[in-house]
Every structure is written in C-alpha cells, then in structure tokens.
C-alpha cells in the first residue's frame, strides 16, 4: 500500500505562485510514476503533470498537460519521498482541488486510470 498526503493549498491572489507538496509513504520502491490532477466542480478530474519516480533529474521524465505546461513545474525529492507542483501566474479558473496520485505500473500517465493510489486532495482557491 501507498499513502499520499497533499499540502500547500489555500487562498491566493490572482498572479501569485504556489507550490503544492505530496508526501508519499508505504511501499514506494516499486512506484513507476507520480502525477498531479485537479478537480473543478462540475467537471471531470483533469491531468496536470506527471514525473517518473525512479532516477534523478538526469534520467527522469516529465509530462504536462499541453494547455498548462507554461505555468506548471513538477519535481520530486526521492530522499524525502516528496512530490511537488509549482503553479505560476495563478488565475481564478485554477481554483480546484488538487490531487497527487501514484502509479505502480506503466501506462498513459495522462489518464487517471493508470494511477493506483490517490491522496485526499488540497484545495486551491484563487481570488481576482
């Protein structure tokens, strides 16, 4: 089993930047990748970014939603079992619950069906 706990959400102003964190515990050695999704009320959960879990910055691979990649940066710290998502130039439409997720096996990291474990989410609210 793998447990995920997100933090870093809150109420911010339009134009601000924010860094979300996700601490991973449990059976992390076999993880293939980690990702971030968001859920806006009335919409389906939306992929944001993903990163392969093993290796360092020289060998890891990152993936971003095309519409978001200019304002997102995903990173990890394997020593701390932590995943991060930086969001720049926040807009009111970024208001959502942001979830981190862990995938044990390969597959499309853009699809939530690839992920086996999910955190409880952290709320981000952006005011104009």
Foldseek 3Di string as FASTA:
>chain_A
DKAKAKDWADEEEQQAKTKIKIAMDDPPPQFQKKFKWWDDPPDDIFGAKMKGDDDAPVPIDMDGDPVQVVFWDWDADVVRNMIMIMGGRDDQVVFTWMKMFIANDDDPPRDPVRTDDIYPTDTHGYDD
